[in-house]
Amino acid sequence: MSKTLRVVVPPHPLIGHWLTLLRDQQTPTALFSTAMAELGRWLTYEALRDWIPYQRVQVQTPLALTEGTVVDGTVPMLAVPVLRAGLGLWEGSRSVVPNAAVAHMGFVRDEASGVAHCYLDSLPEQIPANAGVLVFDPMVATAGTLIQVLERLEAKGVTGPRVRVVSALAAAPGLKTLGERFGDLTLYTGCIDAELDSAHRIVPGLGDAGDRLYGLERGSSLG
């Protein structure tokens, strides 16, 4: 049976609200940061809905014994924010999975070719066989960066249902490329845009997420 990339765009009004603020070129840096964090929070909540491990336990209320559900803290969780703007998504997500370990991955993209090169990989040498991994990639344009992250995880034995991706925005061409390489992946995103321009940017997109999140373009002056 062939595997098909599963892309989920949750139909929650708050996800649409925060994504719209990210798209708006008039949104100031401080509000952009808040919108990115909130989008990360809501997308992570949706991503964990049928995925997070849990246990049934009995608890004593002031009146009677009853059964409840608690997150299984014995199952390790690894969060992988892709720098720079993946940190913005993770900032909101960490309140949903506060006990997750964090491994940062950094990439810089060649503007002419669109190819990303890794300059930081802090993935642990060993990832337990029962660990779940959440990758926070701010935007999936060509999917080149995300594929590199997933290939490094794959080399450590982490594939398929053990991985979920959270992204603010994705482009249809990038998702097609991603699905051809990782057909058993599940990705949660705020929206799917149809096109990339000649510079490999998502259209209509939201601009450069890292520049807008931190208020400083590469090569620019302060002030």
N, C-alpha and C. Protein backbone atom coordinates (compact mmCIF):
# COMPACT_ATOMS: atom_id res chain seq x y z
N MET A 1 0.85 -1.19 0.00
CA MET A 1 0.00 0.00 0.00
C MET A 1 0.88 1.25 0.00
N SER A 2 0.60 2.17 -0.91
CA SER A 2 1.38 3.40 -0.97
C SER A 2 1.05 4.30 0.20
N LYS A 3 2.03 5.07 0.63
CA LYS A 3 1.84 6.00 1.73
C LYS A 3 1.62 7.40 1.19
N THR A 4 0.74 8.14 1.84
CA THR A 4 0.40 9.49 1.38
C THR A 4 0.64 10.48 2.50
N LEU A 5 1.36 11.55 2.19
CA LEU A 5 1.57 12.62 3.16
C LEU A 5 0.23 13.12 3.69
N ARG A 6 0.13 13.22 5.01
CA ARG A 6 -1.11 13.71 5.62
C ARG A 6 -0.88 15.16 6.06
N VAL A 7 -1.59 16.08 5.45
CA VAL A 7 -1.49 17.50 5.78
C VAL A 7 -2.81 17.94 6.41
N VAL A 8 -2.73 18.48 7.62
CA VAL A 8 -3.92 18.89 8.35
C VAL A 8 -3.93 20.40 8.51
N VAL A 9 -5.00 21.03 8.05
CA VAL A 9 -5.23 22.46 8.25
C VAL A 9 -6.43 22.59 9.17
N PRO A 10 -6.21 22.71 10.48
CA PRO A 10 -7.34 22.71 11.43
C PRO A 10 -8.27 23.89 11.18
N PRO A 11 -9.58 23.65 11.11
CA PRO A 11 -10.54 24.71 10.82
C PRO A 11 -10.93 25.51 12.06
N HIS A 12 -9.95 25.94 12.82
CA HIS A 12 -10.24 26.68 14.05
C HIS A 12 -10.14 28.18 13.78
N PRO A 13 -11.16 28.96 14.15
CA PRO A 13 -11.12 30.40 13.87
C PRO A 13 -9.90 31.11 14.44
N LEU A 14 -9.39 30.67 15.60
CA LEU A 14 -8.23 31.34 16.18
C LEU A 14 -6.97 31.08 15.35
N ILE A 15 -6.87 29.91 14.73
CA ILE A 15 -5.74 29.65 13.85
C ILE A 15 -5.79 30.59 12.65
N GLY A 16 -6.96 30.75 12.07
CA GLY A 16 -7.11 31.70 10.97
C GLY A 16 -6.82 33.12 11.40
N HIS A 17 -7.24 33.50 12.59
CA HIS A 17 -7.02 34.85 13.11
C HIS A 17 -5.53 35.16 13.23
N TRP A 18 -4.78 34.27 13.88
CA TRP A 18 -3.37 34.53 14.11
C TRP A 18 -2.58 34.46 12.81
N LEU A 19 -2.98 33.59 11.89
CA LEU A 19 -2.29 33.53 10.61
C LEU A 19 -2.52 34.81 9.81
N THR A 20 -3.72 35.35 9.88
CA THR A 20 -4.01 36.59 9.17
C THR A 20 -3.15 37.74 9.69
N LEU A 21 -2.93 37.80 10.99
CA LEU A 21 -2.05 38.82 11.56
C LEU A 21 -0.61 38.62 11.08
N LEU A 22 -0.18 37.37 10.94
CA LEU A 22 1.16 37.11 10.41
C LEU A 22 1.28 37.57 8.97
N ARG A 23 0.25 37.40 8.19
CA ARG A 23 0.28 37.79 6.77
C ARG A 23 0.32 39.31 6.59
N ASP A 24 -0.37 40.03 7.45
CA ASP A 24 -0.54 41.48 7.27
C ASP A 24 0.80 42.20 7.38
N GLN A 25 1.21 42.90 6.35
CA GLN A 25 2.49 43.60 6.36
C GLN A 25 2.53 44.75 7.35
N GLN A 26 1.37 45.16 7.84
CA GLN A 26 1.32 46.26 8.81
C GLN A 26 1.48 45.76 10.26
N THR A 27 1.50 44.47 10.46
CA THR A 27 1.62 43.94 11.82
C THR A 27 3.01 44.24 12.37
N PRO A 28 3.11 44.94 13.51
CA PRO A 28 4.41 45.27 14.08
C PRO A 28 5.10 44.04 14.66
N THR A 29 6.40 44.17 14.89
CA THR A 29 7.21 43.04 15.33
C THR A 29 6.66 42.38 16.59
N ALA A 30 6.29 43.18 17.59
CA ALA A 30 5.82 42.62 18.86
C ALA A 30 4.55 41.78 18.65
N LEU A 31 3.62 42.29 17.85
CA LEU A 31 2.38 41.55 17.60
C LEU A 31 2.65 40.35 16.71
N PHE A 32 3.58 40.48 15.78
CA PHE A 32 3.96 39.35 14.92
C PHE A 32 4.49 38.21 15.78
N SER A 33 5.31 38.55 16.77
CA SER A 33 5.85 37.53 17.67
C SER A 33 4.74 36.84 18.44
N THR A 34 3.78 37.63 18.95
CA THR A 34 2.65 37.06 19.67
C THR A 34 1.83 36.14 18.77
N ALA A 35 1.59 36.58 17.53
CA ALA A 35 0.80 35.79 16.59
C ALA A 35 1.50 34.48 16.25
N MET A 36 2.81 34.52 16.09
CA MET A 36 3.56 33.30 15.79
C MET A 36 3.48 32.31 16.96
N ALA A 37 3.63 32.83 18.17
CA ALA A 37 3.55 31.97 19.36
C ALA A 37 2.16 31.37 19.51
N GLU A 38 1.14 32.18 19.31
CA GLU A 38 -0.23 31.67 19.44
C GLU A 38 -0.55 30.64 18.37
N LEU A 39 -0.06 30.86 17.16
CA LEU A 39 -0.28 29.88 16.10
C LEU A 39 0.43 28.58 16.45
N GLY A 40 1.65 28.68 16.99
CA GLY A 40 2.36 27.49 17.44
C GLY A 40 1.60 26.74 18.52
N ARG A 41 1.01 27.50 19.45
CA ARG A 41 0.25 26.88 20.54
C ARG A 41 -0.96 26.10 20.01
N TRP A 42 -1.75 26.73 19.15
CA TRP A 42 -2.97 26.10 18.67
C TRP A 42 -2.68 24.94 17.72
N LEU A 43 -1.68 25.08 16.87
CA LEU A 43 -1.33 23.99 15.95
C LEU A 43 -0.77 22.79 16.72
N THR A 44 0.01 23.06 17.77
CA THR A 44 0.53 21.97 18.58
C THR A 44 -0.59 21.25 19.32
N TYR A 45 -1.52 22.02 19.84
CA TYR A 45 -2.69 21.43 20.51
C TYR A 45 -3.40 20.47 19.55
N GLU A 46 -3.59 20.91 18.31
CA GLU A 46 -4.27 20.06 17.33
C GLU A 46 -3.41 18.84 16.98
N ALA A 47 -2.10 19.05 16.85
CA ALA A 47 -1.21 17.95 16.48
C ALA A 47 -1.17 16.86 17.53
N LEU A 48 -1.35 17.24 18.79
CA LEU A 48 -1.26 16.27 19.88
C LEU A 48 -2.60 15.61 20.21
N ARG A 49 -3.65 16.07 19.58
CA ARG A 49 -4.99 15.60 19.94
C ARG A 49 -5.10 14.08 19.94
N ASP A 50 -4.58 13.42 18.91
CA ASP A 50 -4.68 11.96 18.82
C ASP A 50 -3.30 11.30 18.87
N TRP A 51 -2.32 12.00 19.43
CA TRP A 51 -0.94 11.52 19.33
C TRP A 51 -0.23 11.45 20.67
N ILE A 52 -0.57 12.34 21.59
CA ILE A 52 0.16 12.40 22.85
C ILE A 52 -0.17 11.17 23.70
N PRO A 53 0.82 10.54 24.32
CA PRO A 53 0.57 9.35 25.15
C PRO A 53 -0.11 9.75 26.46
N TYR A 54 -1.02 8.91 26.93
CA TYR A 54 -1.74 9.21 28.16
C TYR A 54 -2.04 7.93 28.93
N GLN A 55 -2.42 8.12 30.18
CA GLN A 55 -2.79 6.99 31.04
C GLN A 55 -4.14 7.27 31.68
N ARG A 56 -4.88 6.21 31.96
CA ARG A 56 -6.10 6.32 32.76
C ARG A 56 -5.71 6.08 34.21
N VAL A 57 -6.13 6.97 35.08
CA VAL A 57 -5.78 6.85 36.50
C VAL A 57 -7.04 7.08 37.34
N GLN A 58 -6.96 6.63 38.58
CA GLN A 58 -8.03 6.89 39.53
C GLN A 58 -7.60 8.00 40.49
N VAL A 59 -8.50 8.92 40.75
CA VAL A 59 -8.23 10.01 41.68
C VAL A 59 -9.39 10.14 42.66
N GLN A 60 -9.06 10.63 43.83
CA GLN A 60 -10.05 10.83 44.87
C GLN A 60 -10.46 12.30 44.87
N THR A 61 -11.72 12.56 44.51
CA THR A 61 -12.23 13.93 44.64
C THR A 61 -12.65 14.15 46.09
N PRO A 62 -13.04 15.36 46.47
CA PRO A 62 -13.54 15.56 47.84
C PRO A 62 -14.76 14.71 48.18
N LEU A 63 -15.42 14.16 47.12
CA LEU A 63 -16.65 13.42 47.37
C LEU A 63 -16.60 11.95 47.02
N ALA A 64 -15.78 11.58 46.05
CA ALA A 64 -15.79 10.17 45.62
C ALA A 64 -14.56 9.85 44.80
N LEU A 65 -14.37 8.55 44.57
CA LEU A 65 -13.30 8.08 43.71
C LEU A 65 -13.78 8.11 42.26
N THR A 66 -12.93 8.59 41.35
CA THR A 66 -13.31 8.64 39.94
C THR A 66 -12.10 8.36 39.07
N GLU A 67 -12.38 8.15 37.79
CA GLU A 67 -11.30 7.87 36.84
C GLU A 67 -11.03 9.09 35.99
N GLY A 68 -9.76 9.33 35.69
CA GLY A 68 -9.39 10.46 34.85
C GLY A 68 -8.26 10.10 33.91
N THR A 69 -7.80 11.08 33.17
CA THR A 69 -6.74 10.90 32.18
C THR A 69 -5.61 11.86 32.48
N VAL A 70 -4.37 11.37 32.44
CA VAL A 70 -3.19 12.22 32.61
C VAL A 70 -2.19 11.88 31.51
N VAL A 71 -1.41 12.88 31.12
CA VAL A 71 -0.35 12.67 30.14
C VAL A 71 0.69 11.72 30.73
N ASP A 72 1.14 10.79 29.92
CA ASP A 72 2.13 9.81 30.36
C ASP A 72 3.52 10.44 30.31
N GLY A 73 4.00 10.87 31.46
CA GLY A 73 5.28 11.55 31.54
C GLY A 73 6.48 10.65 31.37
N THR A 74 6.26 9.33 31.30
CA THR A 74 7.38 8.40 31.12
C THR A 74 7.79 8.28 29.66
N VAL A 75 6.95 8.78 28.74
CA VAL A 75 7.27 8.72 27.31
C VAL A 75 7.98 10.01 26.91
N PRO A 76 9.23 9.95 26.46
CA PRO A 76 9.98 11.18 26.15
C PRO A 76 9.45 11.88 24.91
N MET A 77 9.57 13.20 24.92
CA MET A 77 9.16 14.04 23.80
C MET A 77 10.32 14.96 23.45
N LEU A 78 10.62 15.08 22.15
CA LEU A 78 11.68 15.96 21.68
C LEU A 78 11.09 17.00 20.75
N ALA A 79 11.35 18.28 21.06
CA ALA A 79 10.94 19.39 20.19
C ALA A 79 12.15 19.85 19.38
N VAL A 80 11.95 20.05 18.08
CA VAL A 80 13.05 20.47 17.20
C VAL A 80 12.64 21.74 16.47
N PRO A 81 12.93 22.93 17.05
CA PRO A 81 12.66 24.18 16.34
C PRO A 81 13.74 24.43 15.28
N VAL A 82 13.30 24.79 14.08
CA VAL A 82 14.22 25.14 13.00
C VAL A 82 14.46 26.65 13.06
N LEU A 83 15.71 27.04 13.27
CA LEU A 83 16.07 28.44 13.42
C LEU A 83 15.95 29.16 12.07
N ARG A 84 15.56 30.47 12.08
CA ARG A 84 15.33 31.25 13.29
C ARG A 84 13.87 31.19 13.75
N ALA A 85 12.97 31.28 12.80
CA ALA A 85 11.58 31.54 13.14
C ALA A 85 10.87 30.35 13.78
N GLY A 86 11.45 29.16 13.70
CA GLY A 86 10.84 28.04 14.40
C GLY A 86 10.77 28.27 15.89
N LEU A 87 11.68 29.12 16.40
CA LEU A 87 11.65 29.47 17.83
C LEU A 87 10.36 30.21 18.18
N GLY A 88 9.84 30.99 17.22
CA GLY A 88 8.60 31.71 17.47
C GLY A 88 7.43 30.76 17.66
N LEU A 89 7.36 29.72 16.82
CA LEU A 89 6.31 28.71 16.99
C LEU A 89 6.48 27.95 18.31
N TRP A 90 7.73 27.58 18.62
CA TRP A 90 8.00 26.80 19.82
C TRP A 90 7.68 27.61 21.08
N GLU A 91 7.83 28.91 21.03
CA GLU A 91 7.55 29.74 22.20
C GLU A 91 6.13 29.53 22.70
N GLY A 92 5.18 29.39 21.77
CA GLY A 92 3.81 29.12 22.17
C GLY A 92 3.57 27.65 22.47
N SER A 93 4.26 26.79 21.75
CA SER A 93 4.04 25.35 21.90
C SER A 93 4.53 24.81 23.23
N ARG A 94 5.55 25.45 23.81
CA ARG A 94 6.15 24.90 25.01
C ARG A 94 5.18 24.85 26.18
N SER A 95 4.13 25.67 26.17
CA SER A 95 3.14 25.60 27.24
C SER A 95 2.25 24.36 27.09
N VAL A 96 2.22 23.79 25.87
CA VAL A 96 1.43 22.59 25.63
C VAL A 96 2.22 21.33 25.98
N VAL A 97 3.54 21.37 25.70
CA VAL A 97 4.42 20.23 26.02
C VAL A 97 5.61 20.74 26.83
N PRO A 98 5.37 21.18 28.07
CA PRO A 98 6.42 21.84 28.86
C PRO A 98 7.58 20.92 29.23
N ASN A 99 7.37 19.61 29.21
CA ASN A 99 8.44 18.70 29.62
C ASN A 99 9.28 18.20 28.46
N ALA A 100 9.03 18.69 27.26
CA ALA A 100 9.79 18.24 26.10
C ALA A 100 11.23 18.72 26.16
N ALA A 101 12.15 17.85 25.76
CA ALA A 101 13.54 18.27 25.55
C ALA A 101 13.58 19.04 24.23
N VAL A 102 14.58 19.92 24.08
CA VAL A 102 14.65 20.77 22.89
C VAL A 102 16.00 20.62 22.20
N ALA A 103 15.96 20.36 20.90
CA ALA A 103 17.17 20.30 20.07
C ALA A 103 17.01 21.28 18.92
N HIS A 104 17.89 22.27 18.85
CA HIS A 104 17.79 23.29 17.81
C HIS A 104 18.50 22.85 16.54
N MET A 105 17.93 23.25 15.40
CA MET A 105 18.60 23.03 14.12
C MET A 105 18.59 24.34 13.34
N GLY A 106 19.74 24.72 12.81
CA GLY A 106 19.86 25.98 12.10
C GLY A 106 20.25 25.79 10.65
N PHE A 107 19.59 26.54 9.77
CA PHE A 107 19.87 26.47 8.33
C PHE A 107 19.94 27.88 7.76
N VAL A 108 20.79 28.06 6.77
CA VAL A 108 20.84 29.30 6.01
C VAL A 108 20.62 28.95 4.55
N ARG A 109 19.78 29.74 3.89
CA ARG A 109 19.41 29.42 2.51
C ARG A 109 20.17 30.27 1.52
N ASP A 110 20.67 29.63 0.49
CA ASP A 110 21.28 30.36 -0.62
C ASP A 110 20.15 30.98 -1.44
N GLU A 111 20.13 32.31 -1.49
CA GLU A 111 19.01 33.01 -2.11
C GLU A 111 18.91 32.72 -3.61
N ALA A 112 20.03 32.44 -4.25
CA ALA A 112 20.00 32.20 -5.69
C ALA A 112 19.43 30.82 -6.02
N SER A 113 19.93 29.81 -5.32
CA SER A 113 19.52 28.44 -5.62
C SER A 113 18.32 27.98 -4.80
N GLY A 114 18.12 28.62 -3.65
CA GLY A 114 17.06 28.19 -2.74
C GLY A 114 17.45 27.00 -1.89
N VAL A 115 18.69 26.54 -1.99
CA VAL A 115 19.16 25.37 -1.24
C VAL A 115 19.60 25.81 0.16
N ALA A 116 19.15 25.07 1.17
CA ALA A 116 19.50 25.39 2.56
C ALA A 116 20.70 24.57 3.01
N HIS A 117 21.57 25.22 3.78
CA HIS A 117 22.76 24.56 4.32
C HIS A 117 22.70 24.59 5.85
N CYS A 118 22.97 23.46 6.47
CA CYS A 118 22.88 23.34 7.92
C CYS A 118 24.13 23.91 8.59
N TYR A 119 23.93 24.78 9.59
CA TYR A 119 25.06 25.31 10.36
C TYR A 119 24.98 24.91 11.84
N LEU A 120 23.85 24.31 12.24
CA LEU A 120 23.70 23.88 13.63
C LEU A 120 22.81 22.65 13.69
N ASP A 121 23.31 21.61 14.33
CA ASP A 121 22.54 20.39 14.53
C ASP A 121 22.79 19.91 15.96
N SER A 122 21.83 20.15 16.84
CA SER A 122 21.99 19.73 18.24
C SER A 122 21.12 18.53 18.58
N LEU A 123 20.75 17.74 17.56
CA LEU A 123 20.00 16.52 17.84
C LEU A 123 20.83 15.61 18.73
N PRO A 124 20.19 14.95 19.70
CA PRO A 124 20.94 14.03 20.56
C PRO A 124 21.47 12.84 19.77
N GLU A 125 22.56 12.28 20.25
CA GLU A 125 23.16 11.12 19.57
C GLU A 125 22.19 9.94 19.55
N GLN A 126 21.47 9.75 20.66
CA GLN A 126 20.51 8.66 20.77
C GLN A 126 19.13 9.22 21.07
N ILE A 127 18.13 8.75 20.33
CA ILE A 127 16.74 9.13 20.59
C ILE A 127 15.99 7.84 20.92
N PRO A 128 15.41 7.75 22.13
CA PRO A 128 14.75 6.51 22.54
C PRO A 128 13.71 6.03 21.54
N ALA A 129 13.56 4.74 21.46
CA ALA A 129 12.66 4.13 20.47
C ALA A 129 11.20 4.52 20.69
N ASN A 130 10.85 4.92 21.91
CA ASN A 130 9.46 5.30 22.18
C ASN A 130 9.24 6.80 22.19
N ALA A 131 10.26 7.58 21.83
CA ALA A 131 10.15 9.04 21.88
C ALA A 131 9.35 9.58 20.70
N GLY A 132 8.55 10.61 20.97
CA GLY A 132 7.88 11.34 19.91
C GLY A 132 8.67 12.61 19.60
N VAL A 133 8.68 13.02 18.33
CA VAL A 133 9.43 14.19 17.91
C VAL A 133 8.51 15.18 17.20
N LEU A 134 8.51 16.42 17.68
CA LEU A 134 7.76 17.51 17.06
C LEU A 134 8.74 18.46 16.40
N VAL A 135 8.63 18.64 15.09
CA VAL A 135 9.50 19.55 14.35
C VAL A 135 8.74 20.84 14.07
N PHE A 136 9.35 21.97 14.42
CA PHE A 136 8.73 23.28 14.21
C PHE A 136 9.46 24.01 13.09
N ASP A 137 8.92 23.90 11.88
CA ASP A 137 9.48 24.57 10.71
C ASP A 137 8.54 25.70 10.34
N PRO A 138 8.97 26.97 10.44
CA PRO A 138 8.03 28.08 10.31
C PRO A 138 7.25 28.09 9.00
N MET A 139 7.94 27.81 7.88
CA MET A 139 7.27 27.78 6.58
C MET A 139 7.86 26.68 5.72
N VAL A 140 7.00 25.93 5.06
CA VAL A 140 7.44 24.89 4.14
C VAL A 140 7.24 25.43 2.73
N ALA A 141 8.32 25.94 2.14
CA ALA A 141 8.25 26.51 0.80
C ALA A 141 8.65 25.45 -0.22
N THR A 142 9.96 25.24 -0.40
CA THR A 142 10.43 24.16 -1.27
C THR A 142 10.49 22.83 -0.53
N ALA A 143 10.44 22.88 0.80
CA ALA A 143 10.56 21.72 1.71
C ALA A 143 12.00 21.24 1.82
N GLY A 144 12.95 21.95 1.23
CA GLY A 144 14.34 21.51 1.29
C GLY A 144 14.89 21.45 2.70
N THR A 145 14.61 22.48 3.50
CA THR A 145 15.08 22.49 4.89
C THR A 145 14.45 21.36 5.69
N LEU A 146 13.14 21.24 5.59
CA LEU A 146 12.43 20.22 6.37
C LEU A 146 12.91 18.82 5.99
N ILE A 147 13.14 18.57 4.72
CA ILE A 147 13.62 17.25 4.30
C ILE A 147 14.98 16.96 4.92
N GLN A 148 15.85 17.96 5.00
CA GLN A 148 17.15 17.74 5.64
C GLN A 148 16.98 17.37 7.12
N VAL A 149 16.07 18.06 7.80
CA VAL A 149 15.81 17.73 9.21
C VAL A 149 15.31 16.30 9.34
N LEU A 150 14.34 15.95 8.51
CA LEU A 150 13.75 14.62 8.59
C LEU A 150 14.75 13.53 8.22
N GLU A 151 15.64 13.82 7.29
CA GLU A 151 16.66 12.83 6.94
C GLU A 151 17.64 12.61 8.09
N ARG A 152 17.96 13.67 8.84
CA ARG A 152 18.84 13.51 9.99
C ARG A 152 18.15 12.73 11.10
N LEU A 153 16.85 12.94 11.26
CA LEU A 153 16.09 12.13 12.21
C LEU A 153 16.00 10.68 11.75
N GLU A 154 15.79 10.50 10.46
CA GLU A 154 15.70 9.15 9.90
C GLU A 154 16.99 8.38 10.15
N ALA A 155 18.12 9.06 10.04
CA ALA A 155 19.41 8.41 10.27
C ALA A 155 19.55 7.93 11.72
N LYS A 156 18.75 8.52 12.61
CA LYS A 156 18.77 8.12 14.03
C LYS A 156 17.62 7.17 14.36
N GLY A 157 16.94 6.70 13.32
CA GLY A 157 15.88 5.71 13.52
C GLY A 157 14.51 6.30 13.81
N VAL A 158 14.34 7.62 13.62
CA VAL A 158 13.06 8.27 13.92
C VAL A 158 12.34 8.56 12.61
N THR A 159 11.25 7.86 12.36
CA THR A 159 10.51 8.02 11.11
C THR A 159 9.01 7.88 11.37
N GLY A 160 8.25 8.12 10.33
CA GLY A 160 6.83 7.82 10.28
C GLY A 160 5.99 8.40 11.40
N PRO A 161 5.19 7.56 12.06
CA PRO A 161 4.25 8.03 13.07
C PRO A 161 4.92 8.67 14.28
N ARG A 162 6.21 8.47 14.45
CA ARG A 162 6.91 9.05 15.61
C ARG A 162 7.19 10.54 15.42
N VAL A 163 6.97 11.07 14.22
CA VAL A 163 7.28 12.47 13.93
C VAL A 163 6.02 13.21 13.51
N ARG A 164 5.87 14.43 14.01
CA ARG A 164 4.86 15.33 13.50
C ARG A 164 5.50 16.70 13.29
N VAL A 165 5.03 17.39 12.25
CA VAL A 165 5.59 18.69 11.88
C VAL A 165 4.53 19.77 12.10
N VAL A 166 4.97 20.88 12.69
CA VAL A 166 4.12 22.06 12.87
C VAL A 166 4.72 23.20 12.06
N SER A 167 3.92 23.78 11.18
CA SER A 167 4.39 24.87 10.32
C SER A 167 3.30 25.93 10.20
N ALA A 168 3.71 27.18 10.26
CA ALA A 168 2.73 28.26 10.14
C ALA A 168 2.06 28.26 8.78
N LEU A 169 2.84 27.96 7.75
CA LEU A 169 2.35 28.09 6.37
C LEU A 169 3.10 27.11 5.48
N ALA A 170 2.42 26.57 4.49
CA ALA A 170 3.06 25.63 3.57
C ALA A 170 2.63 25.94 2.14
N ALA A 171 3.51 25.63 1.20
CA ALA A 171 3.22 25.82 -0.22
C ALA A 171 2.97 24.47 -0.87
N ALA A 172 2.03 24.44 -1.80
CA ALA A 172 1.68 23.19 -2.47
C ALA A 172 2.87 22.52 -3.16
N PRO A 173 3.75 23.26 -3.87
CA PRO A 173 4.90 22.59 -4.49
C PRO A 173 5.81 21.93 -3.47
N GLY A 174 6.04 22.58 -2.35
CA GLY A 174 6.89 22.01 -1.30
C GLY A 174 6.27 20.76 -0.70
N LEU A 175 4.96 20.78 -0.50
CA LEU A 175 4.29 19.61 0.05
C LEU A 175 4.36 18.42 -0.91
N LYS A 176 4.29 18.71 -2.21
CA LYS A 176 4.41 17.64 -3.20
C LYS A 176 5.80 16.99 -3.10
N THR A 177 6.84 17.83 -3.02
CA THR A 177 8.20 17.31 -2.89
C THR A 177 8.38 16.54 -1.60
N LEU A 178 7.82 17.08 -0.51
CA LEU A 178 7.91 16.42 0.79
C LEU A 178 7.24 15.05 0.77
N GLY A 179 6.06 14.99 0.17
CA GLY A 179 5.32 13.73 0.12
C GLY A 179 6.01 12.66 -0.69
N GLU A 180 6.77 13.06 -1.70
CA GLU A 180 7.51 12.10 -2.51
C GLU A 180 8.65 11.45 -1.72
N ARG A 181 9.16 12.18 -0.73
CA ARG A 181 10.28 11.66 0.05
C ARG A 181 9.82 11.04 1.37
N PHE A 182 8.81 11.65 2.01
CA PHE A 182 8.33 11.17 3.31
C PHE A 182 6.80 11.02 3.26
N GLY A 183 6.37 9.93 2.67
CA GLY A 183 4.94 9.73 2.47
C GLY A 183 4.17 9.34 3.71
N ASP A 184 4.88 8.97 4.79
CA ASP A 184 4.19 8.53 6.00
C ASP A 184 4.20 9.61 7.07
N LEU A 185 4.40 10.86 6.66
CA LEU A 185 4.51 11.98 7.60
C LEU A 185 3.16 12.66 7.80
N THR A 186 2.97 13.24 8.99
CA THR A 186 1.81 14.09 9.27
C THR A 186 2.28 15.49 9.58
N LEU A 187 1.70 16.48 8.90
CA LEU A 187 2.08 17.88 9.05
C LEU A 187 0.86 18.73 9.36
N TYR A 188 0.99 19.60 10.36
CA TYR A 188 -0.08 20.54 10.72
C TYR A 188 0.35 21.94 10.34
N THR A 189 -0.53 22.65 9.63
CA THR A 189 -0.19 23.99 9.17
C THR A 189 -1.42 24.89 9.19
N GLY A 190 -1.15 26.22 9.21
CA GLY A 190 -2.25 27.18 9.25
C GLY A 190 -2.97 27.31 7.92
N CYS A 191 -2.25 27.09 6.81
CA CYS A 191 -2.84 27.24 5.48
C CYS A 191 -1.90 26.66 4.44
N ILE A 192 -2.45 26.29 3.30
CA ILE A 192 -1.65 25.85 2.15
C ILE A 192 -1.80 26.90 1.06
N ASP A 193 -0.69 27.56 0.70
CA ASP A 193 -0.70 28.50 -0.42
C ASP A 193 -0.29 27.76 -1.69
N ALA A 194 -0.77 28.26 -2.83
CA ALA A 194 -0.64 27.50 -4.07
C ALA A 194 0.71 27.63 -4.74
N GLU A 195 1.42 28.76 -4.55
CA GLU A 195 2.54 29.04 -5.44
C GLU A 195 3.82 29.42 -4.71
N LEU A 196 4.93 29.29 -5.44
CA LEU A 196 6.21 29.87 -5.10
C LEU A 196 6.60 30.83 -6.21
N ASP A 197 7.25 31.95 -5.85
CA ASP A 197 7.72 32.85 -6.90
C ASP A 197 9.10 32.43 -7.38
N SER A 198 9.71 33.23 -8.24
CA SER A 198 11.00 32.87 -8.83
C SER A 198 12.13 32.83 -7.80
N ALA A 199 11.90 33.46 -6.63
CA ALA A 199 12.90 33.45 -5.55
C ALA A 199 12.58 32.39 -4.50
N HIS A 200 11.69 31.46 -4.84
CA HIS A 200 11.32 30.34 -3.96
C HIS A 200 10.58 30.80 -2.71
N ARG A 201 9.88 31.94 -2.79
CA ARG A 201 9.10 32.45 -1.67
C ARG A 201 7.64 32.05 -1.85
N ILE A 202 6.98 31.77 -0.71
CA ILE A 202 5.56 31.40 -0.75
C ILE A 202 4.73 32.63 -1.11
N VAL A 203 3.78 32.45 -2.05
CA VAL A 203 2.88 33.51 -2.48
C VAL A 203 1.44 33.06 -2.27
N PRO A 204 0.59 33.86 -1.57
CA PRO A 204 0.86 35.19 -1.03
C PRO A 204 1.77 35.21 0.19
N GLY A 205 1.83 34.12 0.93
CA GLY A 205 2.80 34.00 2.02
C GLY A 205 2.64 35.01 3.13
N LEU A 206 3.78 35.28 3.81
CA LEU A 206 3.79 36.27 4.90
C LEU A 206 5.13 37.00 4.97
N GLY A 207 5.92 36.88 3.90
CA GLY A 207 7.25 37.50 3.91
C GLY A 207 8.27 36.61 4.58
N ASP A 208 9.40 37.21 4.96
CA ASP A 208 10.44 36.46 5.66
C ASP A 208 10.09 36.39 7.14
N ALA A 209 9.73 35.19 7.61
CA ALA A 209 9.25 35.04 8.99
C ALA A 209 10.30 35.44 10.00
N GLY A 210 11.56 35.07 9.76
CA GLY A 210 12.63 35.41 10.69
C GLY A 210 12.87 36.90 10.78
N ASP A 211 12.93 37.58 9.63
CA ASP A 211 13.13 39.02 9.62
C ASP A 211 12.01 39.74 10.36
N ARG A 212 10.78 39.32 10.12
CA ARG A 212 9.64 39.98 10.74
C ARG A 212 9.53 39.66 12.23
N LEU A 213 9.95 38.45 12.60
CA LEU A 213 9.87 38.04 14.01
C LEU A 213 10.87 38.81 14.86
N TYR A 214 12.06 39.06 14.32
CA TYR A 214 13.12 39.70 15.10
C TYR A 214 13.39 41.14 14.69
N GLY A 215 12.68 41.64 13.70
CA GLY A 215 12.77 43.05 13.34
C GLY A 215 14.09 43.46 12.74
N LEU A 216 14.81 42.51 12.14
CA LEU A 216 16.10 42.84 11.57
C LEU A 216 16.36 41.96 10.36
N GLU A 217 16.48 42.57 9.19
CA GLU A 217 16.79 41.84 7.99
C GLU A 217 18.28 41.56 7.91
N ARG A 218 18.63 40.43 7.30
CA ARG A 218 20.05 40.11 7.13
C ARG A 218 20.73 41.17 6.27
N GLY A 219 21.86 41.65 6.74
CA GLY A 219 22.61 42.64 5.99
C GLY A 219 22.13 44.07 6.18
N SER A 220 21.11 44.26 7.03
CA SER A 220 20.56 45.61 7.23
C SER A 220 21.24 46.27 8.42
N SER A 221 20.98 47.57 8.59
CA SER A 221 21.51 48.33 9.73
C SER A 221 20.42 48.52 10.76
N LEU A 222 20.83 48.66 12.00
CA LEU A 222 19.88 48.90 13.09
C LEU A 222 19.48 50.36 13.09
N GLY A 223 18.15 50.59 13.15
CA GLY A 223 17.67 51.96 13.22
C GLY A 223 17.37 52.56 11.88
